[in-house]
Amino acid sequence: MRSHVTIRRFSSLPEAMACASYLTAHGLDPAIDEFQHATVQWYLIPALNGIGLSIPATQEESAQHLLHCVDTGEASLANEGYEQPRAYGRLGAWLYLLIPMGLITLPLMLLLLPFVIVQLISGAILPENPDEFAELALVLAEFIFALFLAWALISFYLNTRRFLKKRNQEQSSQ
């Protein structure tokens, strides 16, 4: 007797993974055949006759029943085990940006930015000492880095604002 039985074949990896997740959520142990080929050499899927979903032979009957319920619409897929994610506002979006950078990094950058600008302006006249050249290059690098961070923050803010505005419009239209 075979230990695993192929119960379905799929034309794409996301379909096979969704079905495997559904069966796993119901306590079964599915395995996706040709998983490595499907991820690395996806163009071979038609030649492999699709992606197979195997299940232990002892669980075949319950897996077929679950998939039949999904096919006929008897299974409730919409709210089964699903929790609506919490909606985050602007504060959540800013915290999402600030926490990976470190909460202290942004205030320090904003605090140091005027000093960097003053150093850059004061060193605009070419220094006579070569050591001052290296110092000027370092100040310039700090300034460019600060500009890059400012650009990243501004673009993140504008994109977040646009997304939140679109989401609020969709929620108000429902």
Protein backbone atom coordinates (compact mmCIF):
# COMPACT_ATOMS: atom_id res chain seq x y z
CA MET A 1 0.00 0.00 0.00
CA ARG A 2 1.27 3.45 -0.88
CA SER A 3 2.03 5.82 1.95
CA HIS A 4 0.97 8.99 0.07
CA VAL A 5 -1.79 9.47 -2.46
CA THR A 6 -2.06 12.40 -4.89
CA ILE A 7 -5.54 13.81 -4.47
CA ARG A 8 -5.38 16.88 -6.73
CA ARG A 9 -3.19 18.50 -9.37
CA PHE A 10 -2.91 22.27 -9.74
CA SER A 11 -1.69 24.53 -12.51
CA SER A 12 0.03 27.01 -10.19
CA LEU A 13 1.90 26.96 -6.91
CA PRO A 14 -0.37 29.47 -5.10
CA GLU A 15 -3.40 27.24 -5.75
CA ALA A 16 -1.60 24.19 -4.39
CA MET A 17 -0.35 26.11 -1.34
CA ALA A 18 -3.83 27.47 -0.57
CA CYS A 19 -5.32 24.00 -0.76
CA ALA A 20 -2.52 22.56 1.39
CA SER A 21 -3.07 25.31 3.96
CA TYR A 22 -6.78 24.56 4.06
CA LEU A 23 -6.15 20.88 4.65
CA THR A 24 -3.49 21.64 7.27
CA ALA A 25 -5.93 23.92 9.08
CA HIS A 26 -8.29 20.94 9.34
CA GLY A 27 -5.66 18.70 10.92
CA LEU A 28 -4.41 16.83 7.86
CA ASP A 29 -0.80 16.47 6.67
CA PRO A 30 -0.63 17.40 2.97
CA ALA A 31 2.57 17.58 0.94
CA ILE A 32 3.08 19.53 -2.26
CA ASP A 33 4.73 17.37 -4.93
CA GLU A 34 7.29 19.01 -7.22
CA PHE A 35 7.50 21.96 -4.81
CA GLN A 36 11.16 22.65 -5.60
CA HIS A 37 10.55 22.57 -9.35
CA ALA A 38 7.55 24.85 -8.98
CA THR A 39 9.51 27.45 -7.04
CA VAL A 40 12.79 27.38 -8.94
CA GLN A 41 11.78 26.22 -12.41
CA TRP A 42 8.18 27.37 -12.61
CA TYR A 43 8.15 27.06 -16.39
CA LEU A 44 8.35 23.26 -16.00
CA ILE A 45 4.95 23.02 -14.29
CA PRO A 46 3.02 22.13 -17.48
CA ALA A 47 5.64 19.51 -18.37
CA LEU A 48 5.26 17.97 -14.91
CA ASN A 49 1.50 17.72 -15.47
CA GLY A 50 0.88 20.39 -12.86
CA ILE A 51 1.67 20.43 -9.16
CA GLY A 52 0.41 17.47 -7.19
CA LEU A 53 -1.02 17.62 -3.68
CA SER A 54 -0.38 14.41 -1.78
CA ILE A 55 -1.89 13.25 1.46
CA PRO A 56 -1.16 10.18 3.61
CA ALA A 57 -3.29 7.26 2.44
CA THR A 58 -4.98 7.05 5.83
CA GLN A 59 -6.28 10.63 5.48
CA GLU A 60 -7.41 10.40 1.87
CA GLU A 61 -11.12 10.02 2.56
CA SER A 62 -11.35 13.01 4.91
CA ALA A 63 -9.27 15.15 2.53
CA GLN A 64 -11.51 14.24 -0.42
CA HIS A 65 -14.56 15.12 1.69
CA LEU A 66 -13.12 18.52 2.70
CA LEU A 67 -12.20 19.38 -0.90
CA HIS A 68 -15.62 18.23 -2.12
CA CYS A 69 -17.25 20.56 0.44
CA VAL A 70 -15.14 23.43 -0.88
CA ASP A 71 -15.97 22.60 -4.50
CA THR A 72 -19.71 22.43 -3.88
CA GLY A 73 -19.78 25.52 -1.66
CA GLU A 74 -20.83 23.67 1.47
CA ALA A 75 -17.71 24.78 3.33
CA SER A 76 -17.71 28.20 4.92
CA LEU A 77 -14.40 29.70 3.82
CA ALA A 78 -15.10 33.36 4.45
CA ASN A 79 -14.87 33.65 8.22
CA GLU A 80 -13.49 30.29 9.27
CA GLY A 81 -10.60 31.01 11.60
CA TYR A 82 -10.08 34.46 10.14
CA GLU A 83 -9.78 37.54 12.27
CA GLN A 84 -10.09 40.98 10.74
CA PRO A 85 -6.73 42.73 11.15
CA ARG A 86 -6.71 45.89 13.19
CA ALA A 87 -6.70 49.03 11.09
CA TYR A 88 -3.82 51.35 11.85
CA GLY A 89 -3.92 55.10 11.40
CA ARG A 90 -1.12 57.55 10.78
CA LEU A 91 0.48 56.97 14.16
CA GLY A 92 0.80 53.27 13.41
CA ALA A 93 2.33 54.02 10.02
CA TRP A 94 4.91 56.36 11.55
CA LEU A 95 5.74 53.85 14.27
CA TYR A 96 6.14 51.23 11.56
CA LEU A 97 8.81 53.43 10.04
CA LEU A 98 10.48 54.59 13.24
CA ILE A 99 10.78 51.36 15.20
CA PRO A 100 13.07 49.52 12.73
CA MET A 101 15.24 52.65 12.45
CA GLY A 102 15.37 52.97 16.19
CA LEU A 103 13.19 55.51 17.94
CA ILE A 104 16.16 57.69 18.81
CA THR A 105 17.72 57.78 15.32
CA LEU A 106 15.25 60.17 13.68
CA PRO A 107 15.25 62.83 16.43
CA LEU A 108 19.05 62.75 16.51
CA MET A 109 19.25 63.15 12.74
CA LEU A 110 16.85 66.08 12.87
CA LEU A 111 18.79 67.61 15.75
CA LEU A 112 22.15 67.25 13.98
CA LEU A 113 20.96 68.46 10.57
CA PRO A 114 21.40 72.22 11.33
CA PHE A 115 24.92 71.58 12.65
CA VAL A 116 25.84 69.64 9.53
CA ILE A 117 24.55 72.47 7.33
CA VAL A 118 26.52 75.05 9.32
CA GLN A 119 29.69 72.94 9.07
CA LEU A 120 29.16 72.48 5.35
CA ILE A 121 28.68 76.20 4.76
CA SER A 122 31.64 77.15 6.94
CA GLY A 123 33.89 74.67 5.13
CA ALA A 124 32.77 75.77 1.67
CA ILE A 125 35.97 77.73 1.22
CA LEU A 126 38.64 75.21 0.37
CA PRO A 127 40.73 74.50 3.43
CA GLU A 128 44.51 74.74 3.28
CA ASN A 129 45.14 71.76 5.54
CA PRO A 130 44.59 68.28 3.96
CA ASP A 131 43.12 67.01 7.22
CA GLU A 132 40.38 69.57 6.90
CA PHE A 133 39.64 68.15 3.43
CA ALA A 134 38.89 64.76 4.99
CA GLU A 135 36.73 66.46 7.60
CA LEU A 136 34.85 68.35 4.90
CA ALA A 137 34.27 65.10 2.97
CA LEU A 138 32.89 63.49 6.13
CA VAL A 139 30.56 66.43 6.75
CA LEU A 140 29.39 66.26 3.13
CA ALA A 141 28.75 62.54 3.47
CA GLU A 142 26.73 63.15 6.64
CA PHE A 143 24.70 65.81 4.87
CA ILE A 144 23.98 63.56 1.88
CA PHE A 145 22.93 60.80 4.25
CA ALA A 146 20.61 63.21 6.07
CA LEU A 147 19.09 64.26 2.74
CA PHE A 148 18.55 60.63 1.80
CA LEU A 149 16.77 59.95 5.10
CA ALA A 150 14.66 63.07 4.68
CA TRP A 151 13.70 61.96 1.16
CA ALA A 152 12.79 58.49 2.45
CA LEU A 153 10.65 59.93 5.24
CA ILE A 154 8.87 62.39 2.98
CA SER A 155 8.12 59.76 0.34
CA PHE A 156 6.91 57.33 3.00
CA TYR A 157 4.67 60.01 4.49
CA LEU A 158 3.18 60.96 1.12
CA ASN A 159 2.58 57.35 0.09
CA THR A 160 1.03 56.53 3.45
CA ARG A 161 -1.19 59.57 3.24
CA ARG A 162 -2.33 58.62 -0.25
CA PHE A 163 -3.04 55.03 0.83
CA LEU A 164 -4.97 56.10 3.92
CA LYS A 165 -7.01 58.61 1.90
CA LYS A 166 -7.92 55.91 -0.63
CA ARG A 167 -8.81 53.46 2.16
CA ASN A 168 -10.99 56.04 3.90
CA GLN A 169 -12.82 56.77 0.64
CA GLU A 170 -13.46 53.05 0.12
CA GLN A 171 -14.75 52.66 3.67
CA SER A 172 -17.04 55.68 3.37
CA SER A 173 -18.49 54.41 0.07
CA GLN A 174 -19.47 51.06 1.62
